[in-house]
């Protein structure tokens, strides 16, 4: 549990640091993980951790004065659903994706992201 909390805090700190040099606008982060089905307990716990740290950062003034918005998506532990919700998150303005790469649903998102930025 402590490792998960430290990991969540580290991920948010890095994401916020990367965003710090960007133009002023709310930072939208997508949390993509299983929130239903057999792996829901892990995804829901991760969601709670991420939301805790987003709230903590926002309470301290956000990133360069801008608030973080956490967009939540259920990938249902499905590679296809993961890709669908990642594309939806990008369409909704997410610039950072926070998720758990312990499940087999991460590979399509990684491939799509790599392809998107190479072209």
Protein backbone atom coordinates (compact mmCIF):
# COMPACT_ATOMS: atom_id res chain seq x y z
CA UNK A 1 0.00 0.00 0.00
CA UNK A 2 2.79 2.44 0.87
CA UNK A 3 4.49 1.65 -2.44
CA UNK A 4 1.26 2.40 -4.31
CA UNK A 5 0.81 5.72 -2.52
CA UNK A 6 4.41 6.74 -3.17
CA UNK A 7 4.07 5.68 -6.81
CA UNK A 8 0.88 7.70 -7.26
CA UNK A 9 2.47 10.76 -5.71
CA UNK A 10 5.59 10.38 -7.84
CA UNK A 11 3.59 9.99 -11.05
CA UNK A 12 1.51 13.08 -10.32
CA UNK A 13 4.59 15.08 -9.35
CA UNK A 14 6.37 14.16 -12.58
CA UNK A 15 3.27 14.85 -14.68
CA UNK A 16 2.78 18.19 -12.98
CA UNK A 17 6.44 19.06 -13.48
CA UNK A 18 6.27 18.26 -17.18
CA UNK A 19 3.17 20.41 -17.47
CA UNK A 20 4.68 23.31 -15.54
CA UNK A 21 6.19 24.87 -18.64
CA UNK A 22 3.01 24.64 -20.73
CA UNK A 23 0.64 27.50 -21.50
CA UNK A 24 -1.87 28.39 -18.80
CA UNK A 25 -4.87 26.08 -19.00
CA UNK A 26 -6.34 23.46 -16.72
CA UNK A 27 -4.32 20.26 -16.78
CA UNK A 28 -6.52 17.29 -17.65
CA UNK A 29 -5.19 13.90 -16.63
CA UNK A 30 -6.85 10.66 -17.63
CA UNK A 31 -6.96 7.78 -15.16
CA UNK A 32 -7.55 4.58 -17.14
CA UNK A 33 -7.89 1.37 -15.17
CA UNK A 34 -10.40 -1.42 -14.51
CA UNK A 35 -13.25 -0.02 -12.43
CA UNK A 36 -15.58 -2.95 -13.04
CA UNK A 37 -15.18 -6.70 -13.23
CA UNK A 38 -12.69 -8.93 -11.43
CA UNK A 39 -9.91 -6.35 -11.23
CA UNK A 40 -12.14 -3.47 -10.09
CA UNK A 41 -10.80 -3.44 -6.53
CA UNK A 42 -7.28 -2.59 -7.78
CA UNK A 43 -8.55 0.07 -10.18
CA UNK A 44 -10.82 1.70 -7.64
CA UNK A 45 -8.01 1.81 -5.07
CA UNK A 46 -5.72 3.43 -7.63
CA UNK A 47 -8.43 5.92 -8.54
CA UNK A 48 -8.81 6.91 -4.91
CA UNK A 49 -5.05 7.42 -4.59
CA UNK A 50 -4.88 9.55 -7.71
CA UNK A 51 -7.86 11.66 -6.65
CA UNK A 52 -6.33 12.16 -3.19
CA UNK A 53 -3.13 13.57 -4.68
CA UNK A 54 -4.95 15.66 -7.29
CA UNK A 55 -7.04 17.19 -4.50
CA UNK A 56 -3.89 17.81 -2.44
CA UNK A 57 -2.10 19.52 -5.36
CA UNK A 58 -5.18 21.60 -6.20
CA UNK A 59 -5.58 22.65 -2.55
CA UNK A 60 -1.99 23.90 -2.63
CA UNK A 61 -2.74 26.08 -5.65
CA UNK A 62 -2.46 23.60 -8.49
CA UNK A 63 0.31 23.65 -11.05
CA UNK A 64 1.39 27.20 -11.88
CA UNK A 65 -1.94 28.32 -10.48
CA UNK A 66 -3.94 25.99 -12.74
CA UNK A 67 -6.08 23.20 -11.33
CA UNK A 68 -5.76 19.55 -12.28
CA UNK A 69 -8.86 17.77 -13.52
CA UNK A 70 -8.81 13.98 -13.20
CA UNK A 71 -10.85 12.28 -15.94
CA UNK A 72 -11.82 8.73 -14.91
CA UNK A 73 -12.27 5.87 -17.39
CA UNK A 74 -13.08 2.18 -16.91
CA UNK A 75 -11.12 -0.02 -19.32
CA UNK A 76 -12.85 -3.20 -18.12
CA UNK A 77 -9.45 -4.96 -18.34
CA UNK A 78 -9.96 -5.02 -22.09
CA UNK A 79 -7.23 -4.01 -24.56
CA UNK A 80 -9.89 -2.80 -27.00
CA UNK A 81 -11.75 -0.78 -24.37
CA UNK A 82 -8.45 0.70 -23.16
CA UNK A 83 -7.74 2.08 -26.60
CA UNK A 84 -11.29 3.41 -26.97
CA UNK A 85 -11.17 5.29 -23.66
CA UNK A 86 -7.64 6.61 -24.33
CA UNK A 87 -8.86 8.13 -27.59
CA UNK A 88 -11.89 9.55 -25.75
CA UNK A 89 -9.59 11.04 -23.10
CA UNK A 90 -7.46 12.73 -25.77
CA UNK A 91 -10.62 14.07 -27.45
CA UNK A 92 -11.71 15.46 -24.07
CA UNK A 93 -8.40 17.30 -23.64
CA UNK A 94 -6.34 14.94 -21.51
CA UNK A 95 -2.63 15.53 -21.93
CA UNK A 96 -1.44 12.92 -19.42
CA UNK A 97 -2.61 9.32 -18.97
CA UNK A 98 -2.23 7.72 -15.55
CA UNK A 99 -2.82 4.01 -15.43
CA UNK A 100 -1.60 0.68 -14.15
CA UNK A 101 0.60 -1.26 -16.54
CA UNK A 102 0.19 -4.48 -14.58
CA UNK A 103 -2.75 -5.58 -16.71
CA UNK A 104 -2.52 -6.79 -20.34
CA UNK A 105 -4.66 -3.89 -21.56
CA UNK A 106 -1.79 -1.38 -21.75
CA UNK A 107 -0.13 -2.54 -24.99
CA UNK A 108 -2.69 -1.11 -27.48
CA UNK A 109 -2.57 2.27 -25.72
CA UNK A 110 1.22 2.30 -25.88
CA UNK A 111 1.26 1.34 -29.56
CA UNK A 112 -1.36 3.97 -30.46
CA UNK A 113 0.40 6.70 -28.51
CA UNK A 114 3.75 5.87 -30.08
CA UNK A 115 2.20 5.88 -33.56
CA UNK A 116 0.38 9.17 -32.90
CA UNK A 117 3.57 10.97 -31.86
CA UNK A 118 5.77 9.48 -34.58
CA UNK A 119 3.50 10.79 -37.34
